Amino acid sequence: MHKGEKNMKKARYKAVVIVIIILFLAAVFVYFRPLRMSDLVNDEQEILLTQISMGVQNGETYMDSESYNDLTKEQEQSIINLFQQYTYRRTLSTFLISDGALSETGDQLIDIFMYEGSELVCSVIVSNTGSISVNDRPYVLENPSRFIEELLQIVE
């Protein structure tokens, strides 16, 4: 084998390695890109919400919940508009875990269910810690407390 042929093989090998690295980085970039919450809901769906607050008071644990099942069309449209303002991200757990368990629940949860007719088409559970579950897959939401606060202002 000539020296020129060896150098050519090395150059091809390096090029293949560089292309593989670039493809891997592109895949990681695409996988972790922000996802729009507005893609989860549309104005054809009925939206049901449950707020859950939990904690410890005077040494006793408590859990309070309140359901918002009779939202007006205006409230549902306001929720859709709110969803348009937020994004969420995949995590490594999104790829590895499919049971929808939240890694941190915090002291406040909002369960959001979207129905078309009697069929559940999407479920979103938002924790004030930033952990969210979308259709039983874990993700991360930035500014979760603000999202929850704005959502509750719409429905209360």
Protein backbone atom coordinates (compact mmCIF):
# COMPACT_ATOMS: atom_id res chain seq x y z
CA MET A 1 0.00 0.00 0.00
CA HIS A 2 1.39 3.38 -0.93
CA LYS A 3 1.80 6.21 1.50
CA GLY A 4 -0.68 8.28 -0.49
CA GLU A 5 -3.33 5.57 -0.20
CA LYS A 6 -2.83 5.39 3.60
CA ASN A 7 -3.21 9.15 3.90
CA MET A 8 -6.35 8.98 1.76
CA LYS A 9 -7.87 6.28 4.00
CA LYS A 10 -7.03 8.32 7.11
CA ALA A 11 -8.64 11.38 5.57
CA ARG A 12 -11.78 9.41 4.69
CA TYR A 13 -11.91 7.94 8.21
CA LYS A 14 -11.58 11.42 9.75
CA ALA A 15 -14.30 12.76 7.44
CA VAL A 16 -16.66 9.93 8.39
CA VAL A 17 -16.01 10.51 12.10
CA ILE A 18 -16.63 14.27 11.70
CA VAL A 19 -19.89 13.63 9.82
CA ILE A 20 -21.05 11.20 12.54
CA ILE A 21 -20.26 13.75 15.26
CA ILE A 22 -22.10 16.51 13.38
CA LEU A 23 -25.13 14.27 12.86
CA PHE A 24 -25.14 13.31 16.55
CA LEU A 25 -24.95 16.95 17.65
CA ALA A 26 -27.74 17.88 15.23
CA ALA A 27 -29.93 15.08 16.61
CA VAL A 28 -29.27 16.24 20.19
CA PHE A 29 -30.09 19.82 19.23
CA VAL A 30 -33.37 18.79 17.58
CA TYR A 31 -34.33 16.46 20.44
CA PHE A 32 -33.84 19.13 23.14
CA ARG A 33 -35.38 22.03 21.21
CA PRO A 34 -38.29 23.83 22.89
CA LEU A 35 -41.73 22.41 22.16
CA ARG A 36 -44.79 24.67 21.98
CA MET A 37 -47.48 24.04 24.54
CA SER A 38 -49.97 25.44 22.03
CA ASP A 39 -49.51 22.26 19.99
CA LEU A 40 -51.20 20.32 22.81
CA VAL A 41 -54.60 22.02 22.65
CA ASN A 42 -57.03 23.46 20.11
CA ASP A 43 -60.37 25.21 20.20
CA GLU A 44 -62.22 22.02 19.23
CA GLN A 45 -61.44 20.45 22.59
CA GLU A 46 -63.08 20.65 25.97
CA ILE A 47 -60.62 21.52 28.74
CA LEU A 48 -60.96 20.20 32.30
CA LEU A 49 -58.68 21.29 35.13
CA THR A 50 -57.93 20.17 38.66
CA GLN A 51 -55.75 22.14 41.06
CA ILE A 52 -54.08 20.16 43.84
CA SER A 53 -52.34 21.81 46.80
CA MET A 54 -50.48 19.72 49.34
CA GLY A 55 -48.16 20.15 52.26
CA VAL A 56 -47.80 19.91 56.02
CA GLN A 57 -49.63 22.19 58.43
CA ASN A 58 -49.29 21.89 62.22
CA GLY A 59 -47.58 18.54 61.79
CA GLU A 60 -50.43 17.13 59.69
CA THR A 61 -50.28 16.46 55.99
CA TYR A 62 -53.02 17.87 53.81
CA MET A 63 -54.13 17.69 50.21
CA ASP A 64 -56.75 20.02 48.82
CA SER A 65 -58.13 19.81 45.32
CA GLU A 66 -60.50 21.90 43.30
CA SER A 67 -61.91 20.96 39.91
CA TYR A 68 -62.79 23.36 37.12
CA ASN A 69 -64.98 21.28 34.84
CA ASP A 70 -67.46 23.87 33.61
CA LEU A 71 -65.23 26.34 31.79
CA THR A 72 -66.79 28.86 29.45
CA LYS A 73 -65.65 29.13 25.81
CA GLU A 74 -63.96 32.42 26.75
CA GLN A 75 -62.01 30.74 29.56
CA GLU A 76 -61.01 27.87 27.25
CA GLN A 77 -59.83 30.38 24.61
CA SER A 78 -57.85 32.25 27.28
CA ILE A 79 -56.21 28.96 28.27
CA ILE A 80 -55.32 28.29 24.63
CA ASN A 81 -53.83 31.80 24.43
CA LEU A 82 -51.86 31.11 27.61
CA PHE A 83 -50.51 27.87 26.14
CA GLN A 84 -49.23 29.90 23.16
CA GLN A 85 -46.95 31.85 25.50
CA TYR A 86 -45.10 28.82 26.93
CA THR A 87 -42.71 26.16 25.77
CA TYR A 88 -41.53 22.97 27.38
CA ARG A 89 -38.46 20.82 26.83
CA ARG A 90 -37.59 17.18 26.64
CA THR A 91 -35.12 15.80 29.13
CA LEU A 92 -33.09 12.64 29.14
CA SER A 93 -35.88 11.18 31.30
CA THR A 94 -38.36 11.87 28.49
CA PHE A 95 -36.46 9.37 26.38
CA LEU A 96 -35.86 6.85 29.17
CA ILE A 97 -39.02 6.98 31.32
CA SER A 98 -42.52 6.52 29.94
CA ASP A 99 -44.64 6.18 33.06
CA GLY A 100 -45.37 9.91 33.36
CA ALA A 101 -44.03 10.13 36.89
CA LEU A 102 -42.87 13.57 37.93
CA SER A 103 -39.42 13.71 39.49
CA GLU A 104 -40.46 16.59 41.75
CA THR A 105 -44.07 17.33 42.59
CA GLY A 106 -43.65 20.39 44.78
CA ASP A 107 -46.65 21.59 46.73
CA GLN A 108 -48.92 22.51 43.84
CA LEU A 109 -50.08 20.54 40.80
CA ILE A 110 -52.42 21.40 37.97
CA ASP A 111 -53.96 18.54 36.00
CA ILE A 112 -55.17 19.63 32.56
CA PHE A 113 -57.20 17.24 30.42
CA MET A 114 -58.27 17.92 26.84
CA TYR A 115 -61.20 15.96 25.42
CA GLU A 116 -62.72 15.66 21.98
CA GLY A 117 -66.19 14.38 22.68
CA SER A 118 -65.74 11.72 25.31
CA GLU A 119 -62.20 10.80 24.19
CA LEU A 120 -59.19 12.00 26.19
CA VAL A 121 -56.75 13.37 23.60
CA CYS A 122 -54.14 14.99 25.84
CA SER A 123 -53.22 15.19 29.50
CA VAL A 124 -50.79 17.67 31.03
CA ILE A 125 -49.75 17.69 34.67
CA VAL A 126 -47.82 20.79 35.75
CA SER A 127 -45.87 20.99 39.00
CA ASN A 128 -44.71 24.28 40.45
CA THR A 129 -41.18 22.81 40.47
CA GLY A 130 -41.00 22.85 36.66
CA SER A 131 -41.57 19.14 36.14
CA ILE A 132 -44.47 18.41 33.84
CA SER A 133 -45.97 15.28 32.38
CA VAL A 134 -47.42 15.40 28.88
CA ASN A 135 -49.32 12.28 27.89
CA ASP A 136 -47.42 10.28 30.53
CA ARG A 137 -43.95 11.48 29.47
CA PRO A 138 -41.79 13.71 31.72
CA TYR A 139 -40.69 17.14 30.47
CA VAL A 140 -39.56 20.48 31.94
CA LEU A 141 -41.47 23.78 31.86
CA GLU A 142 -39.80 27.12 32.48
CA ASN A 143 -41.63 29.55 34.80
CA PRO A 144 -44.11 26.95 36.08
CA SER A 145 -45.28 29.06 39.02
CA ARG A 146 -46.15 31.94 36.69
CA PHE A 147 -47.95 29.52 34.34
CA ILE A 148 -49.99 28.08 37.22
CA GLU A 149 -50.78 31.56 38.58
CA GLU A 150 -51.95 32.82 35.18
CA LEU A 151 -53.99 29.67 34.59
CA LEU A 152 -55.73 29.99 37.95
CA GLN A 153 -56.50 33.66 37.26
CA ILE A 154 -58.35 32.54 34.13
CA VAL A 155 -60.49 29.90 35.82
CA GLU A 156 -61.21 31.46 39.21
